[in-house]
């Protein structure tokens, strides 16, 4: 008696069962669609910085100034989070544009994620 072959969706880049692979591919597709939607609306580093200043009630010029005031650090962290996670910008592009080390950018992304979550901030509804 022959056993029936069972085929599951697979992708050599993802280890796991078919359902898990489907879930991961779907999440990646959602992130890509969101990134493309934001870019089609004109979102880039500058526009995103303006959005951050708006939700953080900060003057637009303040976000680019060097310094460690609590509000400025929070705003820059949120900016790092949104540009890296929402727009898909590489962390290696940000240090020279924001005068922060790569390690600082990485920490800012994590801090910015927490700020967005705690305050219910969204880049685009």
C-alpha atoms as a PDB file:
ATOM      1  CA  UNK A   1       0.000   0.000   0.000  1.00  0.00           C
ATOM      2  CA  UNK A   2       1.363   3.422  -1.003  1.00  0.00           C
ATOM      3  CA  UNK A   3       1.215   6.423   1.276  1.00  0.00           C
ATOM      4  CA  UNK A   4      -0.295   9.584  -0.122  1.00  0.00           C
ATOM      5  CA  UNK A   5       2.112  12.473  -0.437  1.00  0.00           C
ATOM      6  CA  UNK A   6       1.237  15.540   1.545  1.00  0.00           C
ATOM      7  CA  UNK A   7       2.410  18.843   0.172  1.00  0.00           C
ATOM      8  CA  UNK A   8       2.787  21.907   2.336  1.00  0.00           C
ATOM      9  CA  UNK A   9       3.683  25.385   1.290  1.00  0.00           C
ATOM     10  CA  UNK A  10       7.377  25.941   1.821  1.00  0.00           C
ATOM     11  CA  UNK A  11      10.052  28.516   1.329  1.00  0.00           C
ATOM     12  CA  UNK A  12      13.710  27.616   1.698  1.00  0.00           C
ATOM     13  CA  UNK A  13      14.334  30.900   3.565  1.00  0.00           C
ATOM     14  CA  UNK A  14      11.876  29.997   6.346  1.00  0.00           C
ATOM     15  CA  UNK A  15      12.113  26.948   8.574  1.00  0.00           C
ATOM     16  CA  UNK A  16       8.830  25.578   9.823  1.00  0.00           C
ATOM     17  CA  UNK A  17       5.539  23.931   8.955  1.00  0.00           C
ATOM     18  CA  UNK A  18       3.335  25.144   6.117  1.00  0.00           C
ATOM     19  CA  UNK A  19       1.034  27.223   8.334  1.00  0.00           C
ATOM     20  CA  UNK A  20       3.985  29.009   9.900  1.00  0.00           C
ATOM     21  CA  UNK A  21       5.481  29.707   6.462  1.00  0.00           C
ATOM     22  CA  UNK A  22       2.135  31.132   5.273  1.00  0.00           C
ATOM     23  CA  UNK A  23       1.955  33.343   8.347  1.00  0.00           C
ATOM     24  CA  UNK A  24       5.490  34.699   7.876  1.00  0.00           C
ATOM     25  CA  UNK A  25       5.036  35.357   4.155  1.00  0.00           C
ATOM     26  CA  UNK A  26       1.720  37.108   4.801  1.00  0.00           C
ATOM     27  CA  UNK A  27       3.278  39.350   7.466  1.00  0.00           C
ATOM     28  CA  UNK A  28       6.155  40.230   5.139  1.00  0.00           C
ATOM     29  CA  UNK A  29       3.716  41.054   2.350  1.00  0.00           C
ATOM     30  CA  UNK A  30       1.686  43.294   4.698  1.00  0.00           C
ATOM     31  CA  UNK A  31       4.840  45.194   5.727  1.00  0.00           C
ATOM     32  CA  UNK A  32       5.837  45.656   2.073  1.00  0.00           C
ATOM     33  CA  UNK A  33       2.376  46.934   1.130  1.00  0.00           C
ATOM     34  CA  UNK A  34       2.423  49.395   4.043  1.00  0.00           C
ATOM     35  CA  UNK A  35       5.894  50.641   3.105  1.00  0.00           C
ATOM     36  CA  UNK A  36       4.862  51.138  -0.532  1.00  0.00           C
ATOM     37  CA  UNK A  37       1.647  52.889   0.524  1.00  0.00           C
ATOM     38  CA  UNK A  38       3.577  55.332   2.726  1.00  0.00           C
ATOM     39  CA  UNK A  39       6.113  56.033  -0.018  1.00  0.00           C
ATOM     40  CA  UNK A  40       3.310  56.625  -2.539  1.00  0.00           C
ATOM     41  CA  UNK A  41       1.887  59.215  -0.115  1.00  0.00           C
ATOM     42  CA  UNK A  42       5.243  61.012  -0.188  1.00  0.00           C
ATOM     43  CA  UNK A  43       6.609  59.877   3.164  1.00  0.00           C
ATOM     44  CA  UNK A  44      10.372  60.130   3.497  1.00  0.00           C
ATOM     45  CA  UNK A  45      12.688  61.138   6.337  1.00  0.00           C
ATOM     46  CA  UNK A  46      11.713  64.836   6.180  1.00  0.00           C
ATOM     47  CA  UNK A  47       7.945  64.302   5.934  1.00  0.00           C
ATOM     48  CA  UNK A  48       8.128  61.714   8.712  1.00  0.00           C
ATOM     49  CA  UNK A  49      10.096  64.170  10.879  1.00  0.00           C
ATOM     50  CA  UNK A  50       7.317  66.720  10.361  1.00  0.00           C
ATOM     51  CA  UNK A  51       4.764  64.114  11.470  1.00  0.00           C
ATOM     52  CA  UNK A  52       6.833  63.337  14.563  1.00  0.00           C
ATOM     53  CA  UNK A  53       7.049  67.035  15.444  1.00  0.00           C
ATOM     54  CA  UNK A  54       3.303  67.315  15.038  1.00  0.00           C
ATOM     55  CA  UNK A  55       2.443  64.438  17.400  1.00  0.00           C
ATOM     56  CA  UNK A  56       5.178  65.384  19.886  1.00  0.00           C
ATOM     57  CA  UNK A  57       4.262  69.106  19.820  1.00  0.00           C
ATOM     58  CA  UNK A  58       7.801  70.126  18.883  1.00  0.00           C
ATOM     59  CA  UNK A  59       9.116  72.800  16.523  1.00  0.00           C
ATOM     60  CA  UNK A  60      10.348  71.259  13.245  1.00  0.00           C
ATOM     61  CA  UNK A  61      13.882  72.588  13.703  1.00  0.00           C
ATOM     62  CA  UNK A  62      14.189  71.055  17.187  1.00  0.00           C
ATOM     63  CA  UNK A  63      14.287  67.465  15.990  1.00  0.00           C
ATOM     64  CA  UNK A  64      17.537  68.043  14.059  1.00  0.00           C
ATOM     65  CA  UNK A  65      19.387  69.806  16.872  1.00  0.00           C
ATOM     66  CA  UNK A  66      22.014  67.970  18.871  1.00  0.00           C
ATOM     67  CA  UNK A  67      21.228  67.592  22.533  1.00  0.00           C
ATOM     68  CA  UNK A  68      19.734  65.261  25.056  1.00  0.00           C
ATOM     69  CA  UNK A  69      16.615  67.016  26.241  1.00  0.00           C
ATOM     70  CA  UNK A  70      13.946  64.440  27.041  1.00  0.00           C
ATOM     71  CA  UNK A  71      11.459  65.699  24.427  1.00  0.00           C
ATOM     72  CA  UNK A  72      14.075  65.868  21.676  1.00  0.00           C
ATOM     73  CA  UNK A  73      15.374  62.364  22.444  1.00  0.00           C
ATOM     74  CA  UNK A  74      11.817  60.998  22.434  1.00  0.00           C
ATOM     75  CA  UNK A  75      11.023  62.713  19.138  1.00  0.00           C
ATOM     76  CA  UNK A  76      14.237  61.500  17.495  1.00  0.00           C
ATOM     77  CA  UNK A  77      13.569  57.980  18.798  1.00  0.00           C
ATOM     78  CA  UNK A  78      10.087  57.978  17.313  1.00  0.00           C
ATOM     79  CA  UNK A  79      11.532  59.270  14.042  1.00  0.00           C
ATOM     80  CA  UNK A  80      14.100  56.453  13.982  1.00  0.00           C
ATOM     81  CA  UNK A  81      11.412  53.864  14.697  1.00  0.00           C
ATOM     82  CA  UNK A  82       9.070  55.096  11.972  1.00  0.00           C
ATOM     83  CA  UNK A  83      11.754  55.517   9.317  1.00  0.00           C
ATOM     84  CA  UNK A  84      13.308  52.095   9.947  1.00  0.00           C
ATOM     85  CA  UNK A  85      10.237  49.976  10.671  1.00  0.00           C
ATOM     86  CA  UNK A  86       7.533  51.771   8.681  1.00  0.00           C
ATOM     87  CA  UNK A  87       9.444  53.205   5.721  1.00  0.00           C
ATOM     88  CA  UNK A  88      12.014  50.426   5.546  1.00  0.00           C
ATOM     89  CA  UNK A  89      14.994  52.782   5.583  1.00  0.00           C
ATOM     90  CA  UNK A  90      18.259  51.107   6.479  1.00  0.00           C
ATOM     91  CA  UNK A  91      19.679  51.891   9.916  1.00  0.00           C
ATOM     92  CA  UNK A  92      23.048  52.473   8.240  1.00  0.00           C
ATOM     93  CA  UNK A  93      21.589  55.465   6.340  1.00  0.00           C
ATOM     94  CA  UNK A  94      20.513  57.330   9.467  1.00  0.00           C
ATOM     95  CA  UNK A  95      23.699  57.988  11.513  1.00  0.00           C
ATOM     96  CA  UNK A  96      25.119  60.648   9.208  1.00  0.00           C
ATOM     97  CA  UNK A  97      21.712  62.246   8.620  1.00  0.00           C
ATOM     98  CA  UNK A  98      20.860  62.453  12.317  1.00  0.00           C
ATOM     99  CA  UNK A  99      24.293  62.789  13.940  1.00  0.00           C
ATOM    100  CA  UNK A 100      23.766  59.620  16.002  1.00  0.00           C
ATOM    101  CA  UNK A 101      25.955  56.502  16.023  1.00  0.00           C
ATOM    102  CA  UNK A 102      24.636  53.284  14.509  1.00  0.00           C
ATOM    103  CA  UNK A 103      24.340  51.848  18.018  1.00  0.00           C
ATOM    104  CA  UNK A 104      22.393  54.956  19.033  1.00  0.00           C
ATOM    105  CA  UNK A 105      20.062  54.515  16.050  1.00  0.00           C
ATOM    106  CA  UNK A 106      19.423  50.894  17.031  1.00  0.00           C
ATOM    107  CA  UNK A 107      18.608  51.894  20.605  1.00  0.00           C
ATOM    108  CA  UNK A 108      16.439  54.761  19.345  1.00  0.00           C
ATOM    109  CA  UNK A 109      14.390  52.390  17.183  1.00  0.00           C
ATOM    110  CA  UNK A 110      13.604  50.236  20.227  1.00  0.00           C
ATOM    111  CA  UNK A 111      12.864  53.287  22.384  1.00  0.00           C
ATOM    112  CA  UNK A 112      10.712  54.791  19.608  1.00  0.00           C
ATOM    113  CA  UNK A 113       8.678  51.593  19.324  1.00  0.00           C
ATOM    114  CA  UNK A 114       7.868  51.809  23.025  1.00  0.00           C
ATOM    115  CA  UNK A 115       6.971  55.517  22.736  1.00  0.00           C
ATOM    116  CA  UNK A 116       4.621  54.812  19.820  1.00  0.00           C
ATOM    117  CA  UNK A 117       3.004  51.907  21.653  1.00  0.00           C
ATOM    118  CA  UNK A 118       2.637  53.739  24.982  1.00  0.00           C
ATOM    119  CA  UNK A 119       1.090  56.821  23.386  1.00  0.00           C
ATOM    120  CA  UNK A 120      -0.873  55.212  20.550  1.00  0.00           C
ATOM    121  CA  UNK A 121       1.113  57.161  17.933  1.00  0.00           C
ATOM    122  CA  UNK A 122       0.657  56.024  14.333  1.00  0.00           C
ATOM    123  CA  UNK A 123       2.521  57.342  11.316  1.00  0.00           C
ATOM    124  CA  UNK A 124      -0.546  57.046   9.130  1.00  0.00           C
ATOM    125  CA  UNK A 125      -4.017  55.897  10.167  1.00  0.00           C
END
